[in-house]
Amino acid sequence: MYMNNYVVVAIFLILGVLLPVVALTAGRFLRPYKPLDEKYTTYESGNEPVGESHVRFNIRYYLFALMFVIFDVETVFLYPWAVAFKQLGLFAVVEMAIFVGLLVVGLIYAWKKKVLQWTSI
């Protein structure tokens, strides 16, 4: 009985790996191959490219994006807990308080390291 469940999971894993590989391989063999130097240049709305195409981004954008992702994932974890709040009991309240407490500690650490200040880096 339990082995049957593992077979289903194994089939899904195999299909999850096999289908994208087959689709990408088929696309590679079926597409037309016409290499041109123009295809490798930067497109600027029909105009001639000006300057270098590789733009360096400031590290501040990365830090803010990382902080956003951390706290966005927190809301993903908080939502199911809030929906089933009444059925979960005291243990879940303590568990979520510890989770939010760890996130607050991380936020305080980021604040002390001046990650949230735009001009500090």
PDB file of N, CA and C in Angstrom:
ATOM      1  N   MET A   1       0.824  -1.191   0.000  1.00  0.00           N
ATOM      2  CA  MET A   1       0.000   0.000   0.000  1.00  0.00           C
ATOM      3  C   MET A   1       0.868   1.255   0.000  1.00  0.00           C
ATOM      4  N   TYR A   2       1.860   1.322   0.900  1.00  0.00           N
ATOM      5  CA  TYR A   2       2.722   2.493   0.954  1.00  0.00           C
ATOM      6  C   TYR A   2       3.640   2.573  -0.259  1.00  0.00           C
ATOM      7  N   MET A   3       4.036   1.415  -0.787  1.00  0.00           N
ATOM      8  CA  MET A   3       4.917   1.396  -1.942  1.00  0.00           C
ATOM      9  C   MET A   3       4.228   2.018  -3.156  1.00  0.00           C
ATOM     10  N   ASN A   4       2.915   1.849  -3.241  1.00  0.00           N
ATOM     11  CA  ASN A   4       2.160   2.422  -4.345  1.00  0.00           C
ATOM     12  C   ASN A   4       2.262   3.946  -4.336  1.00  0.00           C
ATOM     13  N   ASN A   5       2.260   4.559  -3.151  1.00  0.00           N
ATOM     14  CA  ASN A   5       2.405   6.010  -3.047  1.00  0.00           C
ATOM     15  C   ASN A   5       3.777   6.460  -3.537  1.00  0.00           C
ATOM     16  N   TYR A   6       4.802   5.688  -3.225  1.00  0.00           N
ATOM     17  CA  TYR A   6       6.148   6.032  -3.687  1.00  0.00           C
ATOM     18  C   TYR A   6       6.271   5.910  -5.201  1.00  0.00           C
ATOM     19  N   VAL A   7       5.569   4.954  -5.777  1.00  0.00           N
ATOM     20  CA  VAL A   7       5.593   4.794  -7.233  1.00  0.00           C
ATOM     21  C   VAL A   7       4.978   6.015  -7.902  1.00  0.00           C
ATOM     22  N   VAL A   8       3.891   6.516  -7.360  1.00  0.00           N
ATOM     23  CA  VAL A   8       3.249   7.707  -7.917  1.00  0.00           C
ATOM     24  C   VAL A   8       4.188   8.904  -7.829  1.00  0.00           C
ATOM     25  N   VAL A   9       4.838   9.086  -6.701  1.00  0.00           N
ATOM     26  CA  VAL A   9       5.787  10.192  -6.542  1.00  0.00           C
ATOM     27  C   VAL A   9       6.953  10.036  -7.506  1.00  0.00           C
ATOM     28  N   ALA A  10       7.453   8.817  -7.657  1.00  0.00           N
ATOM     29  CA  ALA A  10       8.565   8.572  -8.580  1.00  0.00           C
ATOM     30  C   ALA A  10       8.160   8.876 -10.017  1.00  0.00           C
ATOM     31  N   ILE A  11       6.954   8.501 -10.395  1.00  0.00           N
ATOM     32  CA  ILE A  11       6.479   8.798 -11.754  1.00  0.00           C
ATOM     33  C   ILE A  11       6.393  10.300 -11.972  1.00  0.00           C
ATOM     34  N   PHE A  12       5.874  11.033 -11.003  1.00  0.00           N
ATOM     35  CA  PHE A  12       5.796  12.485 -11.136  1.00  0.00           C
ATOM     36  C   PHE A  12       7.184  13.115 -11.218  1.00  0.00           C
ATOM     37  N   LEU A  13       8.124  12.629 -10.429  1.00  0.00           N
ATOM     38  CA  LEU A  13       9.486  13.160 -10.495  1.00  0.00           C
ATOM     39  C   LEU A  13      10.128  12.881 -11.847  1.00  0.00           C
ATOM     40  N   ILE A  14       9.952  11.672 -12.342  1.00  0.00           N
ATOM     41  CA  ILE A  14      10.525  11.329 -13.646  1.00  0.00           C
ATOM     42  C   ILE A  14       9.894  12.171 -14.747  1.00  0.00           C
ATOM     43  N   LEU A  15       8.579  12.306 -14.724  1.00  0.00           N
ATOM     44  CA  LEU A  15       7.909  13.140 -15.725  1.00  0.00           C
ATOM     45  C   LEU A  15       8.290  14.610 -15.582  1.00  0.00           C
ATOM     46  N   GLY A  16       8.458  15.069 -14.354  1.00  0.00           N
ATOM     47  CA  GLY A  16       8.845  16.460 -14.123  1.00  0.00           C
ATOM     48  C   GLY A  16      10.219  16.789 -14.667  1.00  0.00           C
ATOM     49  N   VAL A  17      11.097  15.811 -14.719  1.00  0.00           N
ATOM     50  CA  VAL A  17      12.430  16.019 -15.291  1.00  0.00           C
ATOM     51  C   VAL A  17      12.424  15.730 -16.790  1.00  0.00           C
ATOM     52  N   LEU A  18      11.728  14.679 -17.185  1.00  0.00           N
ATOM     53  CA  LEU A  18      11.773  14.218 -18.565  1.00  0.00           C
ATOM     54  C   LEU A  18      11.051  15.158 -19.534  1.00  0.00           C
ATOM     55  N   LEU A  19       9.879  15.658 -19.174  1.00  0.00           N
ATOM     56  CA  LEU A  19       9.116  16.502 -20.091  1.00  0.00           C
ATOM     57  C   LEU A  19       9.843  17.791 -20.478  1.00  0.00           C
ATOM     58  N   PRO A  20      10.410  18.555 -19.548  1.00  0.00           N
ATOM     59  CA  PRO A  20      11.154  19.746 -19.981  1.00  0.00           C
ATOM     60  C   PRO A  20      12.384  19.412 -20.822  1.00  0.00           C
ATOM     61  N   VAL A  21      13.066  18.327 -20.487  1.00  0.00           N
ATOM     62  CA  VAL A  21      14.250  17.944 -21.270  1.00  0.00           C
ATOM     63  C   VAL A  21      13.843  17.586 -22.696  1.00  0.00           C
ATOM     64  N   VAL A  22      12.776  16.822 -22.852  1.00  0.00           N
ATOM     65  CA  VAL A  22      12.299  16.451 -24.188  1.00  0.00           C
ATOM     66  C   VAL A  22      11.835  17.689 -24.953  1.00  0.00           C
ATOM     67  N   ALA A  23      11.108  18.584 -24.300  1.00  0.00           N
ATOM     68  CA  ALA A  23      10.619  19.787 -24.976  1.00  0.00           C
ATOM     69  C   ALA A  23      11.773  20.682 -25.423  1.00  0.00           C
ATOM     70  N   LEU A  24      12.763  20.882 -24.573  1.00  0.00           N
ATOM     71  CA  LEU A  24      13.903  21.721 -24.947  1.00  0.00           C
ATOM     72  C   LEU A  24      14.748  21.073 -26.038  1.00  0.00           C
ATOM     73  N   THR A  25      14.920  19.770 -25.969  1.00  0.00           N
ATOM     74  CA  THR A  25      15.693  19.070 -26.995  1.00  0.00           C
ATOM     75  C   THR A  25      14.963  19.101 -28.337  1.00  0.00           C
ATOM     76  N   ALA A  26      13.661  18.875 -28.327  1.00  0.00           N
ATOM     77  CA  ALA A  26      12.886  18.932 -29.567  1.00  0.00           C
ATOM     78  C   ALA A  26      12.923  20.334 -30.158  1.00  0.00           C
ATOM     79  N   GLY A  27      12.822  21.349 -29.333  1.00  0.00           N
ATOM     80  CA  GLY A  27      12.903  22.723 -29.821  1.00  0.00           C
ATOM     81  C   GLY A  27      14.248  23.036 -30.442  1.00  0.00           C
ATOM     82  N   ARG A  28      15.276  22.483 -29.886  1.00  0.00           N
ATOM     83  CA  ARG A  28      16.619  22.729 -30.424  1.00  0.00           C
ATOM     84  C   ARG A  28      16.792  22.101 -31.807  1.00  0.00           C
ATOM     85  N   PHE A  29      16.226  20.918 -32.002  1.00  0.00           N
ATOM     86  CA  PHE A  29      16.369  20.248 -33.296  1.00  0.00           C
ATOM     87  C   PHE A  29      15.381  20.756 -34.342  1.00  0.00           C
ATOM     88  N   LEU A  30      14.251  21.275 -33.925  1.00  0.00           N
ATOM     89  CA  LEU A  30      13.226  21.705 -34.873  1.00  0.00           C
ATOM     90  C   LEU A  30      13.341  23.169 -35.292  1.00  0.00           C
ATOM     91  N   ARG A  31      14.056  23.967 -34.556  1.00  0.00           N
ATOM     92  CA  ARG A  31      14.137  25.395 -34.884  1.00  0.00           C
ATOM     93  C   ARG A  31      15.070  25.620 -36.069  1.00  0.00           C
ATOM     94  N   PRO A  32      14.812  26.697 -36.808  1.00  0.00           N
ATOM     95  CA  PRO A  32      15.743  27.029 -37.890  1.00  0.00           C
ATOM     96  C   PRO A  32      17.024  27.623 -37.313  1.00  0.00           C
ATOM     97  N   TYR A  33      18.131  27.266 -37.907  1.00  0.00           N
ATOM     98  CA  TYR A  33      19.421  27.750 -37.422  1.00  0.00           C
ATOM     99  C   TYR A  33      20.008  28.670 -38.475  1.00  0.00           C
ATOM    100  N   LYS A  34      19.942  29.972 -38.220  1.00  0.00           N
ATOM    101  CA  LYS A  34      20.472  30.974 -39.136  1.00  0.00           C
ATOM    102  C   LYS A  34      21.303  31.968 -38.335  1.00  0.00           C
ATOM    103  N   PRO A  35      22.567  31.663 -38.121  1.00  0.00           N
ATOM    104  CA  PRO A  35      23.390  32.581 -37.325  1.00  0.00           C
ATOM    105  C   PRO A  35      23.717  33.858 -38.100  1.00  0.00           C
ATOM    106  N   LEU A  36      23.498  34.985 -37.469  1.00  0.00           N
ATOM    107  CA  LEU A  36      23.854  36.295 -38.014  1.00  0.00           C
ATOM    108  C   LEU A  36      24.501  37.105 -36.898  1.00  0.00           C
ATOM    109  N   ASP A  37      25.449  37.944 -37.269  1.00  0.00           N
ATOM    110  CA  ASP A  37      26.088  38.785 -36.257  1.00  0.00           C
ATOM    111  C   ASP A  37      25.116  39.793 -35.665  1.00  0.00           C
ATOM    112  N   GLU A  38      24.115  40.198 -36.449  1.00  0.00           N
ATOM    113  CA  GLU A  38      23.148  41.182 -35.956  1.00  0.00           C
ATOM    114  C   GLU A  38      22.317  40.636 -34.799  1.00  0.00           C
ATOM    115  N   LYS A  39      22.152  39.339 -34.742  1.00  0.00           N
ATOM    116  CA  LYS A  39      21.352  38.743 -33.665  1.00  0.00           C
ATOM    117  C   LYS A  39      22.035  38.855 -32.313  1.00  0.00           C
ATOM    118  N   TYR A  40      23.326  39.048 -32.320  1.00  0.00           N
ATOM    119  CA  TYR A  40      24.076  39.119 -31.069  1.00  0.00           C
ATOM    120  C   TYR A  40      24.324  40.544 -30.604  1.00  0.00           C
ATOM    121  N   THR A  41      23.784  41.530 -31.305  1.00  0.00           N
ATOM    122  CA  THR A  41      23.956  42.921 -30.888  1.00  0.00           C
ATOM    123  C   THR A  41      22.796  43.332 -29.997  1.00  0.00           C
ATOM    124  N   THR A  42      22.989  44.430 -29.295  1.00  0.00           N
ATOM    125  CA  THR A  42      21.953  44.955 -28.412  1.00  0.00           C
ATOM    126  C   THR A  42      20.890  45.661 -29.240  1.00  0.00           C
ATOM    127  N   TYR A  43      19.631  45.409 -28.903  1.00  0.00           N
ATOM    128  CA  TYR A  43      18.523  46.053 -29.609  1.00  0.00           C
ATOM    129  C   TYR A  43      18.103  47.297 -28.836  1.00  0.00           C
ATOM    130  N   GLU A  44      18.094  48.442 -29.535  1.00  0.00           N
ATOM    131  CA  GLU A  44      17.688  49.696 -28.893  1.00  0.00           C
ATOM    132  C   GLU A  44      16.616  50.378 -29.715  1.00  0.00           C
ATOM    133  N   SER A  45      15.457  49.766 -29.839  1.00  0.00           N
ATOM    134  CA  SER A  45      14.295  50.328 -30.523  1.00  0.00           C
ATOM    135  C   SER A  45      14.600  50.731 -31.958  1.00  0.00           C
ATOM    136  N   GLY A  46      15.381  49.959 -32.650  1.00  0.00           N
ATOM    137  CA  GLY A  46      15.680  50.238 -34.045  1.00  0.00           C
ATOM    138  C   GLY A  46      16.824  51.203 -34.260  1.00  0.00           C
ATOM    139  N   ASN A  47      17.361  51.783 -33.218  1.00  0.00           N
ATOM    140  CA  ASN A  47      18.480  52.720 -33.342  1.00  0.00           C
ATOM    141  C   ASN A  47      19.797  51.974 -33.200  1.00  0.00           C
ATOM    142  N   GLU A  48      20.853  52.630 -33.614  1.00  0.00           N
ATOM    143  CA  GLU A  48      22.183  52.055 -33.427  1.00  0.00           C
ATOM    144  C   GLU A  48      22.508  52.031 -31.935  1.00  0.00           C
ATOM    145  N   PRO A  49      23.066  50.953 -31.435  1.00  0.00           N
ATOM    146  CA  PRO A  49      23.408  50.888 -30.008  1.00  0.00           C
ATOM    147  C   PRO A  49      24.454  51.930 -29.634  1.00  0.00           C
ATOM    148  N   VAL A  50      24.251  52.556 -28.477  1.00  0.00           N
ATOM    149  CA  VAL A  50      25.172  53.576 -27.984  1.00  0.00           C
ATOM    150  C   VAL A  50      25.749  53.079 -26.667  1.00  0.00           C
ATOM    151  N   GLY A  51      27.042  53.056 -26.561  1.00  0.00           N
ATOM    152  CA  GLY A  51      27.683  52.656 -25.313  1.00  0.00           C
ATOM    153  C   GLY A  51      27.740  51.148 -25.164  1.00  0.00           C
ATOM    154  N   GLU A  52      28.046  50.736 -23.947  1.00  0.00           N
ATOM    155  CA  GLU A  52      28.189  49.320 -23.656  1.00  0.00           C
ATOM    156  C   GLU A  52      26.840  48.724 -23.261  1.00  0.00           C
ATOM    157  N   SER A  53      26.600  47.489 -23.653  1.00  0.00           N
ATOM    158  CA  SER A  53      25.302  46.877 -23.370  1.00  0.00           C
ATOM    159  C   SER A  53      25.217  46.300 -21.960  1.00  0.00           C
ATOM    160  N   HIS A  54      26.343  46.049 -21.338  1.00  0.00           N
ATOM    161  CA  HIS A  54      26.342  45.499 -19.982  1.00  0.00           C
ATOM    162  C   HIS A  54      26.333  46.641 -18.979  1.00  0.00           C
ATOM    163  N   VAL A  55      25.219  46.782 -18.283  1.00  0.00           N
ATOM    164  CA  VAL A  55      25.072  47.857 -17.312  1.00  0.00           C
ATOM    165  C   VAL A  55      25.307  47.280 -15.924  1.00  0.00           C
ATOM    166  N   ARG A  56      26.111  47.942 -15.141  1.00  0.00           N
ATOM    167  CA  ARG A  56      26.352  47.493 -13.768  1.00  0.00           C
ATOM    168  C   ARG A  56      25.265  48.064 -12.868  1.00  0.00           C
ATOM    169  N   PHE A  57      24.677  47.183 -12.083  1.00  0.00           N
ATOM    170  CA  PHE A  57      23.665  47.610 -11.136  1.00  0.00           C
ATOM    171  C   PHE A  57      24.310  47.813  -9.773  1.00  0.00           C
ATOM    172  N   ASN A  58      23.762  48.745  -9.055  1.00  0.00           N
ATOM    173  CA  ASN A  58      24.255  49.036  -7.720  1.00  0.00           C
ATOM    174  C   ASN A  58      23.862  47.899  -6.773  1.00  0.00           C
ATOM    175  N   ILE A  59      24.731  47.563  -5.853  1.00  0.00           N
ATOM    176  CA  ILE A  59      24.484  46.475  -4.902  1.00  0.00           C
ATOM    177  C   ILE A  59      23.303  46.793  -3.984  1.00  0.00           C
ATOM    178  N   ARG A  60      22.961  48.054  -3.839  1.00  0.00           N
ATOM    179  CA  ARG A  60      21.835  48.430  -2.968  1.00  0.00           C
ATOM    180  C   ARG A  60      20.531  47.805  -3.458  1.00  0.00           C
ATOM    181  N   TYR A  61      20.360  47.721  -4.784  1.00  0.00           N
ATOM    182  CA  TYR A  61      19.151  47.110  -5.320  1.00  0.00           C
ATOM    183  C   TYR A  61      19.059  45.647  -4.897  1.00  0.00           C
ATOM    184  N   TYR A  62      20.184  44.961  -4.918  1.00  0.00           N
ATOM    185  CA  TYR A  62      20.209  43.550  -4.525  1.00  0.00           C
ATOM    186  C   TYR A  62      19.836  43.394  -3.051  1.00  0.00           C
ATOM    187  N   LEU A  63      20.367  44.245  -2.198  1.00  0.00           N
ATOM    188  CA  LEU A  63      20.077  44.140  -0.764  1.00  0.00           C
ATOM    189  C   LEU A  63      18.603  44.396  -0.470  1.00  0.00           C
ATOM    190  N   PHE A  64      18.037  45.411  -1.123  1.00  0.00           N
ATOM    191  CA  PHE A  64      16.615  45.682  -0.917  1.00  0.00           C
ATOM    192  C   PHE A  64      15.760  44.544  -1.463  1.00  0.00           C
ATOM    193  N   ALA A  65      16.147  43.990  -2.601  1.00  0.00           N
ATOM    194  CA  ALA A  65      15.395  42.867  -3.165  1.00  0.00           C
ATOM    195  C   ALA A  65      15.473  41.654  -2.250  1.00  0.00           C
ATOM    196  N   LEU A  66      16.634  41.420  -1.675  1.00  0.00           N
ATOM    197  CA  LEU A  66      16.799  40.291  -0.765  1.00  0.00           C
ATOM    198  C   LEU A  66      15.934  40.467   0.486  1.00  0.00           C
ATOM    199  N   MET A  67      15.912  41.656   1.032  1.00  0.00           N
ATOM    200  CA  MET A  67      15.063  41.916   2.204  1.00  0.00           C
ATOM    201  C   MET A  67      13.585  41.755   1.843  1.00  0.00           C
ATOM    202  N   PHE A  68      13.204  42.216   0.651  1.00  0.00           N
ATOM    203  CA  PHE A  68      11.819  42.060   0.216  1.00  0.00           C
ATOM    204  C   PHE A  68      11.443  40.589   0.113  1.00  0.00           C
ATOM    205  N   VAL A  69      12.308  39.789  -0.483  1.00  0.00           N
ATOM    206  CA  VAL A  69      12.014  38.361  -0.646  1.00  0.00           C
ATOM    207  C   VAL A  69      11.878  37.683   0.711  1.00  0.00           C
ATOM    208  N   ILE A  70      12.743  38.019   1.645  1.00  0.00           N
ATOM    209  CA  ILE A  70      12.678  37.405   2.975  1.00  0.00           C
ATOM    210  C   ILE A  70      11.336  37.691   3.636  1.00  0.00           C
ATOM    211  N   PHE A  71      10.911  38.941   3.609  1.00  0.00           N
ATOM    212  CA  PHE A  71       9.669  39.280   4.295  1.00  0.00           C
ATOM    213  C   PHE A  71       8.443  38.926   3.466  1.00  0.00           C
ATOM    214  N   ASP A  72       8.593  38.783   2.171  1.00  0.00           N
ATOM    215  CA  ASP A  72       7.493  38.315   1.342  1.00  0.00           C
ATOM    216  C   ASP A  72       7.234  36.834   1.600  1.00  0.00           C
ATOM    217  N   VAL A  73       8.285  36.060   1.743  1.00  0.00           N
ATOM    218  CA  VAL A  73       8.135  34.640   2.069  1.00  0.00           C
ATOM    219  C   VAL A  73       7.527  34.490   3.464  1.00  0.00           C
ATOM    220  N   GLU A  74       7.850  35.407   4.348  1.00  0.00           N
ATOM    221  CA  GLU A  74       7.243  35.376   5.684  1.00  0.00           C
ATOM    222  C   GLU A  74       5.725  35.471   5.584  1.00  0.00           C
ATOM    223  N   THR A  75       5.220  36.343   4.743  1.00  0.00           N
ATOM    224  CA  THR A  75       3.766  36.469   4.611  1.00  0.00           C
ATOM    225  C   THR A  75       3.154  35.213   4.008  1.00  0.00           C
ATOM    226  N   VAL A  76       3.892  34.532   3.154  1.00  0.00           N
ATOM    227  CA  VAL A  76       3.391  33.272   2.596  1.00  0.00           C
ATOM    228  C   VAL A  76       3.233  32.234   3.703  1.00  0.00           C
ATOM    229  N   PHE A  77       4.147  32.229   4.665  1.00  0.00           N
ATOM    230  CA  PHE A  77       4.039  31.293   5.782  1.00  0.00           C
ATOM    231  C   PHE A  77       2.997  31.742   6.809  1.00  0.00           C
ATOM    232  N   LEU A  78       2.795  33.030   6.948  1.00  0.00           N
ATOM    233  CA  LEU A  78       1.827  33.525   7.927  1.00  0.00           C
ATOM    234  C   LEU A  78       0.379  33.344   7.471  1.00  0.00           C
ATOM    235  N   TYR A  79       0.126  33.391   6.185  1.00  0.00           N
ATOM    236  CA  TYR A  79      -1.249  33.332   5.698  1.00  0.00           C
ATOM    237  C   TYR A  79      -1.970  32.030   6.067  1.00  0.00           C
ATOM    238  N   PRO A  80      -1.403  30.849   5.801  1.00  0.00           N
ATOM    239  CA  PRO A  80      -2.122  29.623   6.202  1.00  0.00           C
ATOM    240  C   PRO A  80      -2.316  29.524   7.713  1.00  0.00           C
ATOM    241  N   TRP A  81      -1.350  30.023   8.457  1.00  0.00           N
ATOM    242  CA  TRP A  81      -1.473  30.010   9.910  1.00  0.00           C
ATOM    243  C   TRP A  81      -2.645  30.886  10.345  1.00  0.00           C
ATOM    244  N   ALA A  82      -2.788  32.058   9.731  1.00  0.00           N
ATOM    245  CA  ALA A  82      -3.869  32.965  10.100  1.00  0.00           C
ATOM    246  C   ALA A  82      -5.234  32.392   9.718  1.00  0.00           C
ATOM    247  N   VAL A  83      -5.291  31.659   8.624  1.00  0.00           N
ATOM    248  CA  VAL A  83      -6.563  31.074   8.196  1.00  0.00           C
ATOM    249  C   VAL A  83      -7.021  29.991   9.175  1.00  0.00           C
ATOM    250  N   ALA A  84      -6.090  29.177   9.656  1.00  0.00           N
ATOM    251  CA  ALA A  84      -6.435  28.066  10.557  1.00  0.00           C
ATOM    252  C   ALA A  84      -6.098  28.386  12.007  1.00  0.00           C
ATOM    253  N   PHE A  85      -6.121  29.635  12.383  1.00  0.00           N
ATOM    254  CA  PHE A  85      -5.701  30.077  13.708  1.00  0.00           C
ATOM    255  C   PHE A  85      -6.511  29.420  14.823  1.00  0.00           C
ATOM    256  N   LYS A  86      -7.825  29.357  14.687  1.00  0.00           N
ATOM    257  CA  LYS A  86      -8.678  28.844  15.767  1.00  0.00           C
ATOM    258  C   LYS A  86      -8.494  27.348  16.002  1.00  0.00           C
ATOM    259  N   GLN A  87      -8.198  26.594  14.961  1.00  0.00           N
ATOM    260  CA  GLN A  87      -8.070  25.148  15.107  1.00  0.00           C
ATOM    261  C   GLN A  87      -6.690  24.721  15.606  1.00  0.00           C
ATOM    262  N   LEU A  88      -5.699  25.574  15.511  1.00  0.00           N
ATOM    263  CA  LEU A  88      -4.324  25.165  15.798  1.00  0.00           C
ATOM    264  C   LEU A  88      -3.978  25.140  17.282  1.00  0.00           C
ATOM    265  N   GLY A  89      -4.529  26.021  18.051  1.00  0.00           N
ATOM    266  CA  GLY A  89      -4.276  26.009  19.484  1.00  0.00           C
ATOM    267  C   GLY A  89      -3.056  26.815  19.897  1.00  0.00           C
ATOM    268  N   LEU A  90      -2.691  26.665  21.167  1.00  0.00           N
ATOM    269  CA  LEU A  90      -1.623  27.460  21.768  1.00  0.00           C
ATOM    270  C   LEU A  90      -0.248  27.115  21.202  1.00  0.00           C
ATOM    271  N   PHE A  91      -0.025  25.855  20.877  1.00  0.00           N
ATOM    272  CA  PHE A  91       1.282  25.445  20.349  1.00  0.00           C
ATOM    273  C   PHE A  91       1.621  26.206  19.067  1.00  0.00           C
ATOM    274  N   ALA A  92       0.638  26.356  18.192  1.00  0.00           N
ATOM    275  CA  ALA A  92       0.873  27.068  16.934  1.00  0.00           C
ATOM    276  C   ALA A  92       1.111  28.554  17.168  1.00  0.00           C
ATOM    277  N   VAL A  93       0.466  29.116  18.186  1.00  0.00           N
ATOM    278  CA  VAL A  93       0.692  30.530  18.503  1.00  0.00           C
ATOM    279  C   VAL A  93       2.130  30.734  18.972  1.00  0.00           C
ATOM    280  N   VAL A  94       2.605  29.855  19.834  1.00  0.00           N
ATOM    281  CA  VAL A  94       3.987  29.949  20.316  1.00  0.00           C
ATOM    282  C   VAL A  94       4.965  29.718  19.164  1.00  0.00           C
ATOM    283  N   GLU A  95       4.674  28.744  18.336  1.00  0.00           N
ATOM    284  CA  GLU A  95       5.532  28.451  17.192  1.00  0.00           C
ATOM    285  C   GLU A  95       5.628  29.654  16.247  1.00  0.00           C
ATOM    286  N   MET A  96       4.504  30.294  15.972  1.00  0.00           N
ATOM    287  CA  MET A  96       4.515  31.452  15.075  1.00  0.00           C
ATOM    288  C   MET A  96       5.171  32.649  15.742  1.00  0.00           C
ATOM    289  N   ALA A  97       5.040  32.781  17.051  1.00  0.00           N
ATOM    290  CA  ALA A  97       5.721  33.869  17.760  1.00  0.00           C
ATOM    291  C   ALA A  97       7.234  33.701  17.663  1.00  0.00           C
ATOM    292  N   ILE A  98       7.706  32.474  17.767  1.00  0.00           N
ATOM    293  CA  ILE A  98       9.146  32.218  17.609  1.00  0.00           C
ATOM    294  C   ILE A  98       9.585  32.549  16.186  1.00  0.00           C
ATOM    295  N   PHE A  99       8.789  32.162  15.203  1.00  0.00           N
ATOM    296  CA  PHE A  99       9.101  32.440  13.799  1.00  0.00           C
ATOM    297  C   PHE A  99       9.176  33.943  13.533  1.00  0.00           C
ATOM    298  N   VAL A 100       8.177  34.670  13.993  1.00  0.00           N
ATOM    299  CA  VAL A 100       8.175  36.126  13.800  1.00  0.00           C
ATOM    300  C   VAL A 100       9.301  36.766  14.603  1.00  0.00           C
ATOM    301  N   GLY A 101       9.579  36.229  15.785  1.00  0.00           N
ATOM    302  CA  GLY A 101      10.694  36.746  16.587  1.00  0.00           C
ATOM    303  C   GLY A 101      12.027  36.603  15.877  1.00  0.00           C
ATOM    304  N   LEU A 102      12.251  35.465  15.236  1.00  0.00           N
ATOM    305  CA  LEU A 102      13.487  35.284  14.466  1.00  0.00           C
ATOM    306  C   LEU A 102      13.575  36.274  13.308  1.00  0.00           C
ATOM    307  N   LEU A 103      12.447  36.532  12.672  1.00  0.00           N
ATOM    308  CA  LEU A 103      12.452  37.516  11.591  1.00  0.00           C
ATOM    309  C   LEU A 103      12.713  38.925  12.115  1.00  0.00           C
ATOM    310  N   VAL A 104      12.180  39.236  13.278  1.00  0.00           N
ATOM    311  CA  VAL A 104      12.443  40.548  13.878  1.00  0.00           C
ATOM    312  C   VAL A 104      13.915  40.676  14.243  1.00  0.00           C
ATOM    313  N   VAL A 105      14.510  39.604  14.753  1.00  0.00           N
ATOM    314  CA  VAL A 105      15.949  39.621  15.051  1.00  0.00           C
ATOM    315  C   VAL A 105      16.740  39.870  13.768  1.00  0.00           C
ATOM    316  N   GLY A 106      16.343  39.226  12.677  1.00  0.00           N
ATOM    317  CA  GLY A 106      17.001  39.456  11.391  1.00  0.00           C
ATOM    318  C   GLY A 106      16.834  40.880  10.908  1.00  0.00           C
ATOM    319  N   LEU A 107      15.658  41.450  11.112  1.00  0.00           N
ATOM    320  CA  LEU A 107      15.421  42.839  10.718  1.00  0.00           C
ATOM    321  C   LEU A 107      16.261  43.794  11.555  1.00  0.00           C
ATOM    322  N   ILE A 108      16.354  43.545  12.852  1.00  0.00           N
ATOM    323  CA  ILE A 108      17.191  44.387  13.716  1.00  0.00           C
ATOM    324  C   ILE A 108      18.652  44.278  13.303  1.00  0.00           C
ATOM    325  N   TYR A 109      19.099  43.077  12.968  1.00  0.00           N
ATOM    326  CA  TYR A 109      20.478  42.886  12.504  1.00  0.00           C
ATOM    327  C   TYR A 109      20.726  43.673  11.214  1.00  0.00           C
ATOM    328  N   ALA A 110      19.777  43.603  10.284  1.00  0.00           N
ATOM    329  CA  ALA A 110      19.926  44.354   9.031  1.00  0.00           C
ATOM    330  C   ALA A 110      19.921  45.851   9.303  1.00  0.00           C
ATOM    331  N   TRP A 111      19.112  46.288  10.244  1.00  0.00           N
ATOM    332  CA  TRP A 111      19.060  47.703  10.583  1.00  0.00           C
ATOM    333  C   TRP A 111      20.393  48.156  11.189  1.00  0.00           C
ATOM    334  N   LYS A 112      20.941  47.349  12.101  1.00  0.00           N
ATOM    335  CA  LYS A 112      22.225  47.697  12.735  1.00  0.00           C
ATOM    336  C   LYS A 112      23.363  47.722  11.716  1.00  0.00           C
ATOM    337  N   LYS A 113      23.318  46.835  10.727  1.00  0.00           N
ATOM    338  CA  LYS A 113      24.348  46.795   9.690  1.00  0.00           C
ATOM    339  C   LYS A 113      24.114  47.850   8.608  1.00  0.00           C
ATOM    340  N   LYS A 114      23.059  48.647   8.777  1.00  0.00           N
ATOM    341  CA  LYS A 114      22.699  49.746   7.879  1.00  0.00           C
ATOM    342  C   LYS A 114      22.403  49.269   6.457  1.00  0.00           C
ATOM    343  N   VAL A 115      21.782  48.106   6.369  1.00  0.00           N
ATOM    344  CA  VAL A 115      21.371  47.592   5.066  1.00  0.00           C
ATOM    345  C   VAL A 115      20.188  48.387   4.535  1.00  0.00           C
ATOM    346  N   LEU A 116      19.364  48.900   5.417  1.00  0.00           N
ATOM    347  CA  LEU A 116      18.158  49.597   5.004  1.00  0.00           C
ATOM    348  C   LEU A 116      18.385  51.072   4.696  1.00  0.00           C
ATOM    349  N   GLN A 117      19.577  51.576   4.921  1.00  0.00           N
ATOM    350  CA  GLN A 117      19.871  52.976   4.605  1.00  0.00           C
ATOM    351  C   GLN A 117      20.461  53.050   3.206  1.00  0.00           C
ATOM    352  N   TRP A 118      19.874  53.864   2.368  1.00  0.00           N
ATOM    353  CA  TRP A 118      20.287  53.934   0.973  1.00  0.00           C
ATOM    354  C   TRP A 118      21.671  54.561   0.811  1.00  0.00           C
ATOM    355  N   THR A 119      22.036  55.492   1.654  1.00  0.00           N
ATOM    356  CA  THR A 119      23.300  56.217   1.471  1.00  0.00           C
ATOM    357  C   THR A 119      24.456  55.632   2.265  1.00  0.00           C
ATOM    358  N   SER A 120      24.255  54.539   2.982  1.00  0.00           N
ATOM    359  CA  SER A 120      25.316  54.032   3.854  1.00  0.00           C
ATOM    360  C   SER A 120      26.340  53.183   3.119  1.00  0.00           C
ATOM    361  N   ILE A 121      26.021  52.695   1.950  1.00  0.00           N
ATOM    362  CA  ILE A 121      26.938  51.781   1.261  1.00  0.00           C
ATOM    363  C   ILE A 121      27.859  52.555   0.331  1.00  0.00           C
TER     364      ILE A 121
END
